[in-house]
């Protein structure tokens, strides 16, 4: 059984979806939720789904000693970012080489980098006049949104779209594809 840790900063809708996806799996489960925000909604979602969750400061995450100790305690094999906004530190990347994935709400390499998350991305897509947007699932490296791309899926940008309307279509892609891609990756480790 492979153990997954989810890193999340916000409400945790993707984390919730991933936990539920693996609830009946015979080969993987979400064992742990970690957050850089003690008030994040992901903690309530984790508790409702009977998963332990822990918060940490940015400094704790940067030096990584306590984070890696928790991951070792829960025998974590794979790390999934789900709306996690803090840059992943080198000690964590080194501890999980090619075993940390992220989902970005756009078709990278467009609209990536520091500060490009959530509605910032959707506004940028709309302002550029692009005819499509989507998701990119990628490995994490030391740079924001520059890790090797694993999977992309697209959706149309509709005439007159508002950022929240585009976001809703992108979220549906996230909920549909992210758990499936994670499952495929776990079968190969």
C-alpha atoms as a PDB file:
ATOM      1  CA  UNK A   1       0.000   0.000   0.000  1.00  0.00           C
ATOM      2  CA  UNK A   2       1.437   3.369  -1.066  1.00  0.00           C
ATOM      3  CA  UNK A   3       0.924   6.281   1.331  1.00  0.00           C
ATOM      4  CA  UNK A   4       0.155   9.732  -0.030  1.00  0.00           C
ATOM      5  CA  UNK A   5       0.653  13.066   1.724  1.00  0.00           C
ATOM      6  CA  UNK A   6      -1.363  16.013   0.431  1.00  0.00           C
ATOM      7  CA  UNK A   7      -0.055  19.567   0.801  1.00  0.00           C
ATOM      8  CA  UNK A   8      -2.802  22.201   0.653  1.00  0.00           C
ATOM      9  CA  UNK A   9      -3.146  25.877   1.584  1.00  0.00           C
ATOM     10  CA  UNK A  10      -6.851  26.551   1.098  1.00  0.00           C
ATOM     11  CA  UNK A  11     -10.326  25.095   1.255  1.00  0.00           C
ATOM     12  CA  UNK A  12      -9.229  21.633   0.206  1.00  0.00           C
ATOM     13  CA  UNK A  13     -11.733  20.689  -2.489  1.00  0.00           C
ATOM     14  CA  UNK A  14      -9.076  18.885  -4.535  1.00  0.00           C
ATOM     15  CA  UNK A  15      -7.711  17.226  -1.386  1.00  0.00           C
ATOM     16  CA  UNK A  16     -11.222  16.033  -0.500  1.00  0.00           C
ATOM     17  CA  UNK A  17     -11.685  14.637  -4.021  1.00  0.00           C
ATOM     18  CA  UNK A  18      -8.342  12.813  -3.933  1.00  0.00           C
ATOM     19  CA  UNK A  19      -8.943  11.341  -0.465  1.00  0.00           C
ATOM     20  CA  UNK A  20     -12.350  10.024  -1.539  1.00  0.00           C
ATOM     21  CA  UNK A  21     -10.935   8.641  -4.795  1.00  0.00           C
ATOM     22  CA  UNK A  22      -8.395   6.505  -2.920  1.00  0.00           C
ATOM     23  CA  UNK A  23     -10.732   5.477  -0.066  1.00  0.00           C
ATOM     24  CA  UNK A  24     -11.476   2.112  -1.706  1.00  0.00           C
ATOM     25  CA  UNK A  25      -8.115   1.607  -3.370  1.00  0.00           C
ATOM     26  CA  UNK A  26      -6.161  -1.577  -2.760  1.00  0.00           C
ATOM     27  CA  UNK A  27      -2.800  -0.021  -3.641  1.00  0.00           C
ATOM     28  CA  UNK A  28      -2.795   3.559  -2.292  1.00  0.00           C
ATOM     29  CA  UNK A  29      -4.350   5.793   0.330  1.00  0.00           C
ATOM     30  CA  UNK A  30      -4.073   9.362   1.526  1.00  0.00           C
ATOM     31  CA  UNK A  31      -2.392   8.970   4.898  1.00  0.00           C
ATOM     32  CA  UNK A  32      -1.778  12.599   5.809  1.00  0.00           C
ATOM     33  CA  UNK A  33      -2.685  16.210   5.035  1.00  0.00           C
ATOM     34  CA  UNK A  34      -0.193  19.032   5.617  1.00  0.00           C
ATOM     35  CA  UNK A  35      -0.804  22.760   5.353  1.00  0.00           C
ATOM     36  CA  UNK A  36       1.052  26.039   5.662  1.00  0.00           C
ATOM     37  CA  UNK A  37      -2.207  27.631   6.872  1.00  0.00           C
ATOM     38  CA  UNK A  38      -3.599  26.637  10.292  1.00  0.00           C
ATOM     39  CA  UNK A  39      -6.988  28.157   9.353  1.00  0.00           C
ATOM     40  CA  UNK A  40      -7.252  26.429   5.975  1.00  0.00           C
ATOM     41  CA  UNK A  41     -10.515  24.662   5.262  1.00  0.00           C
ATOM     42  CA  UNK A  42      -8.566  21.555   4.278  1.00  0.00           C
ATOM     43  CA  UNK A  43      -8.160  20.720   7.980  1.00  0.00           C
ATOM     44  CA  UNK A  44     -11.938  20.418   8.482  1.00  0.00           C
ATOM     45  CA  UNK A  45     -12.223  18.309   5.327  1.00  0.00           C
ATOM     46  CA  UNK A  46      -9.406  16.032   6.501  1.00  0.00           C
ATOM     47  CA  UNK A  47     -11.040  15.637   9.921  1.00  0.00           C
ATOM     48  CA  UNK A  48     -14.407  14.812   8.334  1.00  0.00           C
ATOM     49  CA  UNK A  49     -12.677  12.119   6.270  1.00  0.00           C
ATOM     50  CA  UNK A  50     -10.760  10.856   9.324  1.00  0.00           C
ATOM     51  CA  UNK A  51      -7.320  11.853   8.086  1.00  0.00           C
ATOM     52  CA  UNK A  52      -4.698  13.453  10.311  1.00  0.00           C
ATOM     53  CA  UNK A  53      -3.706  16.978   9.339  1.00  0.00           C
ATOM     54  CA  UNK A  54      -0.902  19.182  10.561  1.00  0.00           C
ATOM     55  CA  UNK A  55       0.050  22.822  10.053  1.00  0.00           C
ATOM     56  CA  UNK A  56       3.540  24.217   9.834  1.00  0.00           C
ATOM     57  CA  UNK A  57       5.183  27.598   9.460  1.00  0.00           C
ATOM     58  CA  UNK A  58       6.949  28.624   6.295  1.00  0.00           C
ATOM     59  CA  UNK A  59      10.263  28.430   8.159  1.00  0.00           C
ATOM     60  CA  UNK A  60       9.507  24.854   9.273  1.00  0.00           C
ATOM     61  CA  UNK A  61       8.700  24.010   5.680  1.00  0.00           C
ATOM     62  CA  UNK A  62      11.856  25.693   4.366  1.00  0.00           C
ATOM     63  CA  UNK A  63      14.204  23.758   6.675  1.00  0.00           C
ATOM     64  CA  UNK A  64      11.945  20.667   6.325  1.00  0.00           C
ATOM     65  CA  UNK A  65      13.244  18.674   9.305  1.00  0.00           C
ATOM     66  CA  UNK A  66       9.889  18.408  11.099  1.00  0.00           C
ATOM     67  CA  UNK A  67       7.973  17.917   7.826  1.00  0.00           C
ATOM     68  CA  UNK A  68      10.224  15.054   6.775  1.00  0.00           C
ATOM     69  CA  UNK A  69       9.909  13.512  10.244  1.00  0.00           C
ATOM     70  CA  UNK A  70       6.109  13.517   9.945  1.00  0.00           C
ATOM     71  CA  UNK A  71       6.357  12.030   6.444  1.00  0.00           C
ATOM     72  CA  UNK A  72       8.626   9.294   7.793  1.00  0.00           C
ATOM     73  CA  UNK A  73       6.264   8.610  10.706  1.00  0.00           C
ATOM     74  CA  UNK A  74       3.394   8.097   8.236  1.00  0.00           C
ATOM     75  CA  UNK A  75       5.607   6.156   5.758  1.00  0.00           C
ATOM     76  CA  UNK A  76       4.841   8.593   2.934  1.00  0.00           C
ATOM     77  CA  UNK A  77       5.748   7.367  -0.540  1.00  0.00           C
ATOM     78  CA  UNK A  78       4.310  10.157  -2.681  1.00  0.00           C
ATOM     79  CA  UNK A  79       3.438  13.843  -2.219  1.00  0.00           C
ATOM     80  CA  UNK A  80       0.550  15.607  -3.944  1.00  0.00           C
ATOM     81  CA  UNK A  81       0.134  19.387  -4.007  1.00  0.00           C
ATOM     82  CA  UNK A  82      -3.501  20.439  -4.096  1.00  0.00           C
ATOM     83  CA  UNK A  83      -3.818  24.200  -3.986  1.00  0.00           C
ATOM     84  CA  UNK A  84      -0.528  24.555  -2.132  1.00  0.00           C
ATOM     85  CA  UNK A  85       0.963  28.033  -2.532  1.00  0.00           C
ATOM     86  CA  UNK A  86       4.366  27.792  -0.860  1.00  0.00           C
ATOM     87  CA  UNK A  87       7.446  26.943  -2.899  1.00  0.00           C
ATOM     88  CA  UNK A  88       8.628  23.420  -2.086  1.00  0.00           C
ATOM     89  CA  UNK A  89      12.046  23.463  -0.444  1.00  0.00           C
ATOM     90  CA  UNK A  90      15.098  21.582  -1.716  1.00  0.00           C
ATOM     91  CA  UNK A  91      15.243  19.127   1.227  1.00  0.00           C
ATOM     92  CA  UNK A  92      11.696  17.954   0.467  1.00  0.00           C
ATOM     93  CA  UNK A  93      12.333  17.745  -3.283  1.00  0.00           C
ATOM     94  CA  UNK A  94      15.478  15.728  -2.581  1.00  0.00           C
ATOM     95  CA  UNK A  95      13.646  13.392  -0.193  1.00  0.00           C
ATOM     96  CA  UNK A  96      10.968  12.623  -2.816  1.00  0.00           C
ATOM     97  CA  UNK A  97      12.689  12.727  -6.222  1.00  0.00           C
ATOM     98  CA  UNK A  98      10.071  12.516  -8.996  1.00  0.00           C
ATOM     99  CA  UNK A  99       7.487  11.729  -6.337  1.00  0.00           C
ATOM    100  CA  UNK A 100       5.967  15.203  -5.856  1.00  0.00           C
ATOM    101  CA  UNK A 101       3.270  16.388  -8.252  1.00  0.00           C
ATOM    102  CA  UNK A 102       1.276  19.571  -8.606  1.00  0.00           C
ATOM    103  CA  UNK A 103      -1.756  20.644 -10.576  1.00  0.00           C
ATOM    104  CA  UNK A 104      -1.803  24.080 -12.201  1.00  0.00           C
ATOM    105  CA  UNK A 105      -5.024  25.727 -13.455  1.00  0.00           C
ATOM    106  CA  UNK A 106      -3.697  26.576 -16.914  1.00  0.00           C
ATOM    107  CA  UNK A 107      -1.893  25.007 -19.839  1.00  0.00           C
ATOM    108  CA  UNK A 108       1.744  25.458 -18.863  1.00  0.00           C
ATOM    109  CA  UNK A 109       4.137  26.902 -19.786  1.00  0.00           C
ATOM    110  CA  UNK A 110       1.633  29.760 -20.156  1.00  0.00           C
ATOM    111  CA  UNK A 111       0.448  31.515 -16.993  1.00  0.00           C
ATOM    112  CA  UNK A 112       2.878  29.850 -14.607  1.00  0.00           C
ATOM    113  CA  UNK A 113       5.330  31.147 -12.065  1.00  0.00           C
ATOM    114  CA  UNK A 114       5.262  32.923  -8.744  1.00  0.00           C
ATOM    115  CA  UNK A 115       1.949  34.612  -8.039  1.00  0.00           C
ATOM    116  CA  UNK A 116       0.110  32.721 -10.776  1.00  0.00           C
ATOM    117  CA  UNK A 117      -2.543  30.750  -8.943  1.00  0.00           C
ATOM    118  CA  UNK A 118      -6.325  30.611  -8.705  1.00  0.00           C
ATOM    119  CA  UNK A 119      -8.214  33.595 -10.062  1.00  0.00           C
ATOM    120  CA  UNK A 120      -4.958  35.351 -11.022  1.00  0.00           C
ATOM    121  CA  UNK A 121      -4.468  32.659 -13.655  1.00  0.00           C
ATOM    122  CA  UNK A 122      -8.056  32.733 -14.926  1.00  0.00           C
ATOM    123  CA  UNK A 123      -7.993  36.544 -15.243  1.00  0.00           C
ATOM    124  CA  UNK A 124      -4.709  36.369 -17.166  1.00  0.00           C
ATOM    125  CA  UNK A 125      -6.137  33.772 -19.571  1.00  0.00           C
ATOM    126  CA  UNK A 126      -9.225  35.918 -20.200  1.00  0.00           C
ATOM    127  CA  UNK A 127      -7.212  39.129 -20.594  1.00  0.00           C
ATOM    128  CA  UNK A 128      -4.958  37.461 -23.169  1.00  0.00           C
ATOM    129  CA  UNK A 129      -7.902  36.449 -25.340  1.00  0.00           C
ATOM    130  CA  UNK A 130      -6.937  32.756 -25.407  1.00  0.00           C
ATOM    131  CA  UNK A 131      -9.570  30.420 -26.828  1.00  0.00           C
ATOM    132  CA  UNK A 132      -8.771  27.611 -24.392  1.00  0.00           C
ATOM    133  CA  UNK A 133      -7.490  26.988 -20.899  1.00  0.00           C
ATOM    134  CA  UNK A 134      -7.137  23.852 -18.854  1.00  0.00           C
ATOM    135  CA  UNK A 135      -4.967  22.032 -16.366  1.00  0.00           C
ATOM    136  CA  UNK A 136      -1.388  20.864 -16.214  1.00  0.00           C
ATOM    137  CA  UNK A 137      -0.225  18.119 -13.882  1.00  0.00           C
ATOM    138  CA  UNK A 138       3.535  18.279 -13.466  1.00  0.00           C
ATOM    139  CA  UNK A 139       6.411  17.177 -11.295  1.00  0.00           C
ATOM    140  CA  UNK A 140       7.805  19.672  -8.813  1.00  0.00           C
ATOM    141  CA  UNK A 141      11.307  21.016  -9.126  1.00  0.00           C
ATOM    142  CA  UNK A 142      13.053  24.021  -7.578  1.00  0.00           C
ATOM    143  CA  UNK A 143      11.203  26.515  -9.808  1.00  0.00           C
ATOM    144  CA  UNK A 144       7.532  27.478  -9.763  1.00  0.00           C
ATOM    145  CA  UNK A 145       5.580  25.533 -12.385  1.00  0.00           C
ATOM    146  CA  UNK A 146       8.635  24.437 -14.368  1.00  0.00           C
ATOM    147  CA  UNK A 147       8.763  20.712 -13.538  1.00  0.00           C
ATOM    148  CA  UNK A 148       8.287  18.123 -16.269  1.00  0.00           C
ATOM    149  CA  UNK A 149       4.731  18.012 -17.569  1.00  0.00           C
ATOM    150  CA  UNK A 150       2.922  14.728 -16.958  1.00  0.00           C
ATOM    151  CA  UNK A 151      -0.569  15.469 -18.282  1.00  0.00           C
ATOM    152  CA  UNK A 152      -2.672  18.296 -19.720  1.00  0.00           C
ATOM    153  CA  UNK A 153      -6.383  18.623 -20.436  1.00  0.00           C
ATOM    154  CA  UNK A 154      -8.116  21.614 -21.969  1.00  0.00           C
ATOM    155  CA  UNK A 155     -11.475  23.340 -21.925  1.00  0.00           C
ATOM    156  CA  UNK A 156     -12.824  26.176 -24.069  1.00  0.00           C
ATOM    157  CA  UNK A 157     -12.845  29.803 -23.056  1.00  0.00           C
ATOM    158  CA  UNK A 158     -16.365  30.945 -23.881  1.00  0.00           C
ATOM    159  CA  UNK A 159     -17.232  34.402 -25.240  1.00  0.00           C
ATOM    160  CA  UNK A 160     -18.067  36.706 -22.340  1.00  0.00           C
ATOM    161  CA  UNK A 161     -16.589  34.361 -19.706  1.00  0.00           C
ATOM    162  CA  UNK A 162     -16.009  35.775 -16.261  1.00  0.00           C
ATOM    163  CA  UNK A 163     -13.073  34.408 -14.201  1.00  0.00           C
ATOM    164  CA  UNK A 164     -15.360  32.369 -11.929  1.00  0.00           C
ATOM    165  CA  UNK A 165     -17.084  30.744 -14.928  1.00  0.00           C
ATOM    166  CA  UNK A 166     -13.754  29.707 -16.449  1.00  0.00           C
ATOM    167  CA  UNK A 167     -12.583  28.539 -13.012  1.00  0.00           C
ATOM    168  CA  UNK A 168     -15.616  26.247 -12.710  1.00  0.00           C
ATOM    169  CA  UNK A 169     -14.742  24.486 -15.989  1.00  0.00           C
ATOM    170  CA  UNK A 170     -11.086  24.191 -14.987  1.00  0.00           C
ATOM    171  CA  UNK A 171     -12.067  22.772 -11.562  1.00  0.00           C
ATOM    172  CA  UNK A 172     -14.114  20.068 -13.270  1.00  0.00           C
ATOM    173  CA  UNK A 173     -11.008  19.044 -15.217  1.00  0.00           C
ATOM    174  CA  UNK A 174      -9.037  18.950 -11.964  1.00  0.00           C
ATOM    175  CA  UNK A 175     -11.593  16.774 -10.181  1.00  0.00           C
ATOM    176  CA  UNK A 176     -11.876  14.394 -13.140  1.00  0.00           C
ATOM    177  CA  UNK A 177      -8.218  13.944 -14.051  1.00  0.00           C
ATOM    178  CA  UNK A 178      -5.964  14.605 -11.043  1.00  0.00           C
ATOM    179  CA  UNK A 179      -6.823  11.490  -9.001  1.00  0.00           C
ATOM    180  CA  UNK A 180      -6.625   9.259 -12.088  1.00  0.00           C
ATOM    181  CA  UNK A 181      -3.188  10.591 -13.070  1.00  0.00           C
ATOM    182  CA  UNK A 182      -1.960  10.193  -9.480  1.00  0.00           C
ATOM    183  CA  UNK A 183      -3.185   6.582  -9.474  1.00  0.00           C
ATOM    184  CA  UNK A 184      -1.299   5.846 -12.691  1.00  0.00           C
ATOM    185  CA  UNK A 185       1.882   7.397 -11.343  1.00  0.00           C
ATOM    186  CA  UNK A 186       1.627   5.369  -8.131  1.00  0.00           C
ATOM    187  CA  UNK A 187       1.417   2.132 -10.092  1.00  0.00           C
ATOM    188  CA  UNK A 188       4.846   2.874 -11.532  1.00  0.00           C
ATOM    189  CA  UNK A 189       6.705   3.448  -8.241  1.00  0.00           C
END
